[in-house]
Amino acid sequence: MCILYKSVGGVYSADPKICPEACLIKEIGYEEMMEMGSQGAKVVHPRAVTLAQRYGVEILVTNESNYPKGTLIH
């Protein structure tokens, strides 16, 4: 597993800085995350997700105050 500590603490349905109603996505597939990255989501680079998928590495996007909660990419 790869743990990414980000200021937002996970992957959200929209940018939480712009849209306060954005919801935390608890789990998301590699393909969906790559699609979000190609559409402009800057949480995880699509190439990193591609490599994680190829080698079977799950990615947890969280922050120090939220760990172990966050978004699991698998």
N, C-alpha and C. Protein backbone atom coordinates (compact mmCIF):
# COMPACT_ATOMS: atom_id res chain seq x y z
N MET A 1 0.84 -1.18 0.00
CA MET A 1 0.00 0.00 0.00
C MET A 1 0.88 1.25 0.00
N CYS A 2 0.44 2.23 -0.73
CA CYS A 2 1.09 3.54 -0.76
C CYS A 2 0.16 4.53 -0.08
N ILE A 3 0.67 5.26 0.91
CA ILE A 3 -0.13 6.25 1.61
C ILE A 3 0.32 7.64 1.19
N LEU A 4 -0.62 8.42 0.66
CA LEU A 4 -0.34 9.79 0.26
C LEU A 4 -1.01 10.74 1.24
N TYR A 5 -0.21 11.53 1.90
CA TYR A 5 -0.74 12.52 2.83
C TYR A 5 -0.94 13.84 2.08
N LYS A 6 -2.18 14.24 1.95
CA LYS A 6 -2.53 15.47 1.25
C LYS A 6 -3.29 16.40 2.19
N SER A 7 -3.30 17.67 1.88
CA SER A 7 -3.99 18.64 2.73
C SER A 7 -5.51 18.42 2.75
N VAL A 8 -6.07 17.90 1.67
CA VAL A 8 -7.52 17.71 1.61
C VAL A 8 -7.97 16.43 2.31
N GLY A 9 -7.09 15.48 2.51
CA GLY A 9 -7.42 14.27 3.27
C GLY A 9 -8.20 13.21 2.52
N GLY A 10 -8.26 13.29 1.21
CA GLY A 10 -8.96 12.29 0.42
C GLY A 10 -9.37 12.83 -0.93
N VAL A 11 -10.08 12.01 -1.66
CA VAL A 11 -10.61 12.39 -2.97
C VAL A 11 -12.07 12.78 -2.77
N TYR A 12 -12.43 13.93 -3.27
CA TYR A 12 -13.79 14.44 -3.11
C TYR A 12 -14.52 14.48 -4.45
N SER A 13 -15.83 14.55 -4.39
CA SER A 13 -16.67 14.61 -5.58
C SER A 13 -16.46 15.90 -6.37
N ALA A 14 -15.95 16.94 -5.72
CA ALA A 14 -15.62 18.22 -6.33
C ALA A 14 -14.53 18.86 -5.48
N ASP A 15 -13.99 19.97 -5.93
CA ASP A 15 -12.96 20.66 -5.16
C ASP A 15 -13.59 21.24 -3.90
N PRO A 16 -13.21 20.73 -2.71
CA PRO A 16 -13.85 21.22 -1.48
C PRO A 16 -13.55 22.69 -1.17
N LYS A 17 -12.52 23.25 -1.79
CA LYS A 17 -12.22 24.67 -1.59
C LYS A 17 -13.22 25.55 -2.34
N ILE A 18 -13.75 25.02 -3.44
CA ILE A 18 -14.70 25.77 -4.26
C ILE A 18 -16.14 25.38 -3.93
N CYS A 19 -16.35 24.10 -3.69
CA CYS A 19 -17.70 23.58 -3.45
C CYS A 19 -17.77 22.98 -2.05
N PRO A 20 -18.29 23.71 -1.08
CA PRO A 20 -18.35 23.20 0.30
C PRO A 20 -19.22 21.95 0.46
N GLU A 21 -20.11 21.68 -0.50
CA GLU A 21 -20.99 20.51 -0.44
C GLU A 21 -20.31 19.24 -0.95
N ALA A 22 -19.06 19.33 -1.36
CA ALA A 22 -18.35 18.17 -1.91
C ALA A 22 -18.30 17.04 -0.89
N CYS A 23 -18.47 15.82 -1.37
CA CYS A 23 -18.48 14.64 -0.50
C CYS A 23 -17.19 13.85 -0.67
N LEU A 24 -16.70 13.32 0.44
CA LEU A 24 -15.53 12.45 0.42
C LEU A 24 -15.90 11.13 -0.22
N ILE A 25 -15.07 10.68 -1.15
CA ILE A 25 -15.26 9.37 -1.78
C ILE A 25 -14.41 8.38 -0.98
N LYS A 26 -15.04 7.41 -0.33
CA LYS A 26 -14.31 6.48 0.54
C LYS A 26 -13.50 5.46 -0.24
N GLU A 27 -14.02 4.98 -1.36
CA GLU A 27 -13.33 4.02 -2.21
C GLU A 27 -13.58 4.38 -3.66
N ILE A 28 -12.55 4.15 -4.47
CA ILE A 28 -12.67 4.42 -5.91
C ILE A 28 -11.73 3.47 -6.65
N GLY A 29 -12.12 3.06 -7.82
CA GLY A 29 -11.31 2.17 -8.64
C GLY A 29 -10.21 2.92 -9.36
N TYR A 30 -9.20 2.17 -9.79
CA TYR A 30 -8.08 2.77 -10.52
C TYR A 30 -8.56 3.52 -11.76
N GLU A 31 -9.44 2.86 -12.53
CA GLU A 31 -9.91 3.46 -13.79
C GLU A 31 -10.64 4.77 -13.55
N GLU A 32 -11.50 4.79 -12.53
CA GLU A 32 -12.23 6.02 -12.22
C GLU A 32 -11.29 7.13 -11.78
N MET A 33 -10.29 6.76 -11.00
CA MET A 33 -9.33 7.77 -10.53
C MET A 33 -8.50 8.32 -11.68
N MET A 34 -8.11 7.45 -12.61
CA MET A 34 -7.37 7.92 -13.79
C MET A 34 -8.23 8.87 -14.62
N GLU A 35 -9.51 8.56 -14.74
CA GLU A 35 -10.43 9.43 -15.48
C GLU A 35 -10.56 10.79 -14.80
N MET A 36 -10.69 10.78 -13.47
CA MET A 36 -10.79 12.06 -12.74
C MET A 36 -9.50 12.87 -12.92
N GLY A 37 -8.35 12.19 -12.89
CA GLY A 37 -7.08 12.87 -13.09
C GLY A 37 -6.95 13.46 -14.48
N SER A 38 -7.42 12.73 -15.48
CA SER A 38 -7.35 13.25 -16.84
C SER A 38 -8.31 14.41 -17.06
N GLN A 39 -9.34 14.52 -16.19
CA GLN A 39 -10.30 15.62 -16.27
C GLN A 39 -9.91 16.82 -15.42
N GLY A 40 -8.74 16.72 -14.74
CA GLY A 40 -8.25 17.88 -14.01
C GLY A 40 -8.09 17.73 -12.51
N ALA A 41 -8.53 16.61 -11.94
CA ALA A 41 -8.34 16.40 -10.50
C ALA A 41 -6.84 16.28 -10.22
N LYS A 42 -6.35 17.04 -9.27
CA LYS A 42 -4.91 17.09 -9.03
C LYS A 42 -4.49 16.34 -7.77
N VAL A 43 -5.34 15.48 -7.25
CA VAL A 43 -5.03 14.76 -6.01
C VAL A 43 -3.94 13.73 -6.27
N VAL A 44 -4.10 12.91 -7.31
CA VAL A 44 -3.12 11.88 -7.66
C VAL A 44 -2.92 11.93 -9.17
N HIS A 45 -1.66 11.95 -9.60
CA HIS A 45 -1.35 11.99 -11.03
C HIS A 45 -1.80 10.68 -11.69
N PRO A 46 -2.44 10.74 -12.86
CA PRO A 46 -2.92 9.53 -13.52
C PRO A 46 -1.82 8.49 -13.78
N ARG A 47 -0.61 8.94 -14.03
CA ARG A 47 0.50 7.99 -14.26
C ARG A 47 0.80 7.18 -12.99
N ALA A 48 0.73 7.81 -11.84
CA ALA A 48 0.94 7.11 -10.57
C ALA A 48 -0.13 6.05 -10.36
N VAL A 49 -1.36 6.37 -10.73
CA VAL A 49 -2.46 5.42 -10.60
C VAL A 49 -2.25 4.26 -11.56
N THR A 50 -1.80 4.52 -12.77
CA THR A 50 -1.51 3.48 -13.75
C THR A 50 -0.48 2.50 -13.22
N LEU A 51 0.60 3.03 -12.66
CA LEU A 51 1.65 2.17 -12.10
C LEU A 51 1.15 1.37 -10.91
N ALA A 52 0.36 2.00 -10.06
CA ALA A 52 -0.20 1.28 -8.90
C ALA A 52 -1.08 0.13 -9.37
N GLN A 53 -1.88 0.37 -10.38
CA GLN A 53 -2.75 -0.68 -10.91
C GLN A 53 -1.92 -1.81 -11.51
N ARG A 54 -0.91 -1.47 -12.27
CA ARG A 54 -0.07 -2.48 -12.92
C ARG A 54 0.57 -3.41 -11.89
N TYR A 55 1.01 -2.87 -10.76
CA TYR A 55 1.72 -3.66 -9.76
C TYR A 55 0.85 -4.04 -8.56
N GLY A 56 -0.44 -3.77 -8.63
CA GLY A 56 -1.35 -4.19 -7.58
C GLY A 56 -1.17 -3.48 -6.25
N VAL A 57 -0.81 -2.21 -6.31
CA VAL A 57 -0.58 -1.41 -5.10
C VAL A 57 -1.81 -0.54 -4.84
N GLU A 58 -2.40 -0.69 -3.67
CA GLU A 58 -3.50 0.19 -3.29
C GLU A 58 -2.93 1.53 -2.84
N ILE A 59 -3.69 2.59 -3.08
CA ILE A 59 -3.28 3.94 -2.67
C ILE A 59 -4.30 4.46 -1.67
N LEU A 60 -3.81 4.93 -0.54
CA LEU A 60 -4.68 5.58 0.44
C LEU A 60 -4.34 7.06 0.45
N VAL A 61 -5.33 7.89 0.14
CA VAL A 61 -5.16 9.34 0.17
C VAL A 61 -5.79 9.83 1.46
N THR A 62 -4.98 10.45 2.32
CA THR A 62 -5.44 10.88 3.63
C THR A 62 -4.62 12.08 4.08
N ASN A 63 -4.79 12.50 5.33
CA ASN A 63 -3.91 13.49 5.94
C ASN A 63 -3.64 13.05 7.37
N GLU A 64 -2.71 13.71 8.04
CA GLU A 64 -2.30 13.27 9.37
C GLU A 64 -3.44 13.26 10.37
N SER A 65 -4.33 14.23 10.30
CA SER A 65 -5.42 14.30 11.27
C SER A 65 -6.55 13.33 10.94
N ASN A 66 -6.60 12.82 9.72
CA ASN A 66 -7.68 11.97 9.26
C ASN A 66 -7.29 10.48 9.22
N TYR A 67 -5.99 10.17 9.26
CA TYR A 67 -5.51 8.80 9.11
C TYR A 67 -6.12 7.90 10.17
N PRO A 68 -6.59 6.71 9.87
CA PRO A 68 -6.51 5.96 8.62
C PRO A 68 -7.69 6.18 7.68
N LYS A 69 -8.56 7.14 7.97
CA LYS A 69 -9.67 7.43 7.07
C LYS A 69 -9.15 8.21 5.87
N GLY A 70 -9.91 8.22 4.82
CA GLY A 70 -9.56 8.92 3.60
C GLY A 70 -10.17 8.20 2.42
N THR A 71 -9.47 8.17 1.30
CA THR A 71 -9.96 7.49 0.10
C THR A 71 -9.02 6.36 -0.26
N LEU A 72 -9.56 5.18 -0.45
CA LEU A 72 -8.78 4.03 -0.88
C LEU A 72 -8.98 3.85 -2.37
N ILE A 73 -7.87 3.87 -3.09
CA ILE A 73 -7.89 3.65 -4.55
C ILE A 73 -7.41 2.23 -4.77
N HIS A 74 -8.28 1.41 -5.39
CA HIS A 74 -7.93 0.01 -5.66
C HIS A 74 -8.64 -0.52 -6.88
